Protein backbone atom coordinates (compact mmCIF):
# COMPACT_ATOMS: atom_id res chain seq x y z
CA MET A 1 -28.10 -16.97 -78.55
CA PHE A 2 -28.60 -18.92 -75.51
CA ASN A 3 -25.43 -17.42 -74.24
CA LEU A 4 -24.71 -17.14 -69.82
CA ALA A 5 -26.03 -14.07 -69.93
CA ASN A 6 -29.46 -14.66 -71.82
CA LYS A 7 -29.76 -18.23 -69.47
CA LEU A 8 -29.40 -15.79 -66.39
CA THR A 9 -32.20 -13.49 -67.77
CA LEU A 10 -34.46 -16.67 -68.06
CA LEU A 11 -33.29 -18.00 -64.92
CA ARG A 12 -34.48 -14.36 -63.14
CA MET A 13 -38.15 -15.47 -65.12
CA LEU A 14 -37.84 -19.01 -63.84
CA LEU A 15 -37.74 -17.56 -60.35
CA VAL A 16 -40.86 -15.75 -60.21
CA PRO A 17 -43.26 -17.92 -60.10
CA LEU A 18 -41.10 -19.56 -57.13
CA VAL A 19 -41.87 -15.92 -55.57
CA ILE A 20 -45.41 -16.18 -56.27
CA VAL A 21 -46.38 -19.60 -55.18
CA LEU A 22 -44.13 -18.82 -51.80
CA LEU A 23 -46.25 -15.27 -51.72
CA TYR A 24 -49.26 -17.29 -51.73
CA PHE A 25 -48.82 -19.57 -49.26
CA GLU A 26 -47.91 -16.73 -47.28
CA GLY A 27 -46.21 -16.95 -43.63
CA PRO A 28 -43.34 -16.25 -41.88
CA VAL A 29 -41.02 -19.17 -43.26
CA THR A 30 -42.66 -18.44 -47.07
CA CYS A 31 -42.01 -14.73 -46.97
CA VAL A 32 -38.36 -15.49 -45.69
CA LEU A 33 -37.63 -18.10 -48.38
CA ALA A 34 -39.70 -15.79 -51.16
CA THR A 35 -37.24 -13.03 -50.17
CA LEU A 36 -34.42 -14.80 -50.90
CA ALA A 37 -35.74 -16.27 -54.22
CA PHE A 38 -36.28 -12.60 -55.31
CA ILE A 39 -32.84 -11.47 -54.01
CA ALA A 40 -31.78 -14.03 -56.58
CA ALA A 41 -33.82 -12.69 -59.19
CA SER A 42 -32.47 -9.07 -58.89
CA ILE A 43 -29.21 -10.49 -58.42
CA THR A 44 -28.91 -11.91 -61.47
CA ASP A 45 -30.04 -8.48 -63.15
CA TRP A 46 -27.27 -7.07 -63.04
CA ALA A 47 -25.20 -10.37 -63.56
CA ASP A 48 -26.67 -10.75 -66.95
CA GLY A 49 -25.29 -7.50 -67.81
CA TYR A 50 -22.72 -7.82 -66.20
CA VAL A 51 -22.05 -10.96 -68.08
CA ALA A 52 -23.28 -9.85 -71.43
CA ARG A 53 -20.87 -6.59 -71.59
CA ARG A 54 -17.84 -8.13 -70.12
CA ASN A 55 -17.92 -11.57 -71.94
CA ASN A 56 -19.27 -9.27 -75.97
CA MET A 57 -22.32 -11.15 -75.22
CA VAL A 58 -24.83 -8.84 -76.09
CA THR A 59 -27.78 -9.96 -78.77
CA SER A 60 -30.84 -8.59 -79.61
CA MET A 61 -32.54 -11.66 -77.61
CA GLY A 62 -30.31 -10.36 -74.58
CA LYS A 63 -31.80 -6.64 -75.19
CA PHE A 64 -35.24 -7.60 -75.56
CA LEU A 65 -35.35 -10.55 -72.72
CA ASP A 66 -33.66 -8.11 -69.92
CA PRO A 67 -36.59 -5.45 -69.52
CA LEU A 68 -39.58 -8.18 -69.77
CA ALA A 69 -37.89 -10.20 -67.26
CA ASP A 70 -37.70 -7.53 -65.06
CA LYS A 71 -41.06 -6.12 -65.90
CA VAL A 72 -41.74 -9.57 -64.76
CA LEU A 73 -40.45 -10.47 -61.69
CA ILE A 74 -41.47 -6.36 -60.39
CA CYS A 75 -44.79 -6.33 -61.85
CA SER A 76 -45.56 -9.98 -60.64
CA VAL A 77 -44.55 -9.21 -57.10
CA LEU A 78 -46.17 -6.05 -56.68
CA ILE A 79 -49.14 -7.15 -57.93
CA MET A 80 -49.56 -9.76 -55.43
CA PHE A 81 -48.79 -7.32 -53.08
CA CYS A 82 -51.95 -5.96 -53.96
CA THR A 83 -53.47 -9.29 -53.69
CA LEU A 84 -52.65 -9.94 -49.93
CA GLY A 85 -53.45 -6.42 -48.93
CA TRP A 86 -49.42 -5.22 -48.54
CA ALA A 87 -49.35 -2.44 -51.25
CA GLU A 88 -51.81 -0.15 -51.97
CA ALA A 89 -53.75 -1.09 -55.60
CA TRP A 90 -53.25 2.76 -57.25
CA VAL A 91 -49.63 2.62 -56.36
CA VAL A 92 -49.83 -0.88 -58.07
CA ILE A 93 -51.53 0.01 -60.94
CA LEU A 94 -49.46 3.40 -61.99
CA ILE A 95 -45.76 2.27 -61.74
CA VAL A 96 -47.45 -1.30 -64.02
CA CYS A 97 -48.79 1.36 -66.26
CA ARG A 98 -45.51 2.98 -66.75
CA GLU A 99 -43.88 0.23 -67.24
CA LEU A 100 -46.52 -0.86 -70.24
CA VAL A 101 -46.16 2.97 -71.69
CA VAL A 102 -42.41 2.74 -71.94
CA THR A 103 -42.51 -1.07 -73.67
CA GLY A 104 -44.94 0.44 -76.22
CA LEU A 105 -43.05 3.37 -76.73
CA ARG A 106 -39.53 1.47 -77.69
CA ALA A 107 -41.65 -1.08 -79.75
CA ILE A 108 -42.73 2.27 -81.64
CA ALA A 109 -39.06 3.54 -81.37
CA ILE A 110 -37.32 -0.15 -83.44
CA ASP A 111 -40.80 0.05 -85.72
CA GLU A 112 -39.27 3.49 -86.11
CA GLY A 113 -35.39 2.52 -86.45
CA ILE A 114 -35.12 5.06 -83.09
CA VAL A 115 -33.15 3.36 -79.64
CA LEU A 116 -34.68 4.53 -76.59
CA ALA A 117 -31.67 2.98 -74.01
CA ALA A 118 -32.73 2.70 -70.61
CA ASP A 119 -31.50 5.62 -68.88
CA ARG A 120 -30.36 7.06 -65.13
CA TYR A 121 -34.06 7.60 -64.18
CA GLY A 122 -35.41 4.28 -65.35
CA LYS A 123 -32.64 1.86 -63.11
CA LEU A 124 -32.41 4.23 -60.14
CA LYS A 125 -36.66 3.36 -60.62
CA THR A 126 -35.53 -0.14 -60.58
CA VAL A 127 -33.25 -0.18 -58.02
CA LEU A 128 -35.76 1.76 -55.84
CA GLN A 129 -38.45 -0.69 -56.78
CA ILE A 130 -36.24 -3.78 -55.38
CA ALA A 131 -34.89 -1.87 -52.30
CA ALA A 132 -39.15 -1.71 -51.50
CA ILE A 133 -39.78 -4.80 -52.45
CA ILE A 134 -37.21 -6.79 -49.50
CA PRO A 135 -38.61 -5.15 -46.61
CA MET A 136 -41.84 -5.21 -47.76
CA LEU A 137 -41.00 -9.16 -48.80
CA LEU A 138 -39.88 -9.25 -44.81
CA HIS A 139 -42.88 -7.95 -43.27
CA TYR A 140 -43.30 -10.13 -40.19
CA PRO A 141 -41.78 -8.64 -37.00
CA TYR A 142 -38.35 -11.16 -37.05
CA TRP A 143 -36.28 -10.40 -34.34
CA GLY A 144 -38.42 -7.07 -33.00
CA VAL A 145 -38.08 -5.26 -35.68
CA ARG A 146 -40.78 -4.09 -38.63
CA LEU A 147 -39.12 -3.46 -42.25
CA TRP A 148 -42.25 -2.83 -44.15
CA PRO A 149 -43.08 0.84 -43.15
CA ILE A 150 -39.29 1.15 -44.70
CA GLY A 151 -40.42 -0.65 -47.60
CA GLU A 152 -43.81 1.53 -48.01
CA ILE A 153 -41.75 4.95 -47.70
CA ILE A 154 -39.06 3.40 -50.56
CA LEU A 155 -42.01 1.58 -52.73
CA TYR A 156 -43.69 5.73 -53.03
CA LEU A 157 -40.09 6.74 -53.90
CA ALA A 158 -40.22 4.27 -56.65
CA LEU A 159 -43.43 5.54 -57.81
CA ILE A 160 -42.45 9.21 -58.13
CA MET A 161 -39.45 7.38 -60.10
CA SER A 162 -41.53 5.84 -62.28
CA VAL A 163 -43.65 8.86 -63.08
CA VAL A 164 -39.99 10.53 -63.87
CA SER A 165 -38.70 7.86 -65.42
CA CYS A 166 -42.07 8.10 -67.90
CA VAL A 167 -42.18 11.58 -68.81
CA ASN A 168 -38.56 10.85 -69.69
CA TYR A 169 -38.75 8.96 -72.15
CA CYS A 170 -41.85 9.58 -73.49
CA TYR A 171 -39.73 13.20 -74.10
CA GLY A 172 -36.96 11.62 -74.80
CA PHE A 173 -38.98 9.30 -78.13
CA TYR A 174 -40.97 12.73 -78.58
CA ARG A 175 -37.59 14.34 -79.29
CA LYS A 176 -36.03 11.87 -81.71
CA VAL A 177 -39.15 11.31 -83.22
CA ALA A 178 -38.97 15.36 -84.11
CA ALA A 179 -35.14 14.89 -84.99
CA LYS A 180 -35.81 11.95 -87.24
CA ASN A 181 -38.63 14.20 -89.00
CA ALA A 182 -37.23 17.33 -89.02
CA ALA A 183 -33.51 15.17 -91.16
CA GLU A 184 -36.55 13.39 -93.27
């Protein structure tokens, strides 16, 4: 049940409070530390999937915990960005709502015996979110370079991909439910 892949996922979830506390005491040094913790958590997202597939450790718990850990990490940091005034609330609200909609659809699909697997749009959305958050965490002008505007631009791209992937999940859900009903 708690194999190495699931432990990596749990580590990701345990790193979330550390990132949030470091952001709460916002400053140049704590933002660097928060960035390092966020990067470590993001690496576990790749590592847990790699370990699970490579070592045949895919479990129902992992299928549940992995996307949950992703959502907790990304949404927590983005909500903290709103608190700090680093991100527009409407952008974060749309991203968080997308996560809730897709999670709800997946729960309904499971109840109907339908699998809504992660698709390329959802994966690209996650990559863009991570790519946006890292420079936004490093928003201080380190070595004379301001990375925050790069992160903000990528966050808007992540928002667009969030909407696209949400529409795609909704359409996929509708198609699978229609096919199931037609077969019955």
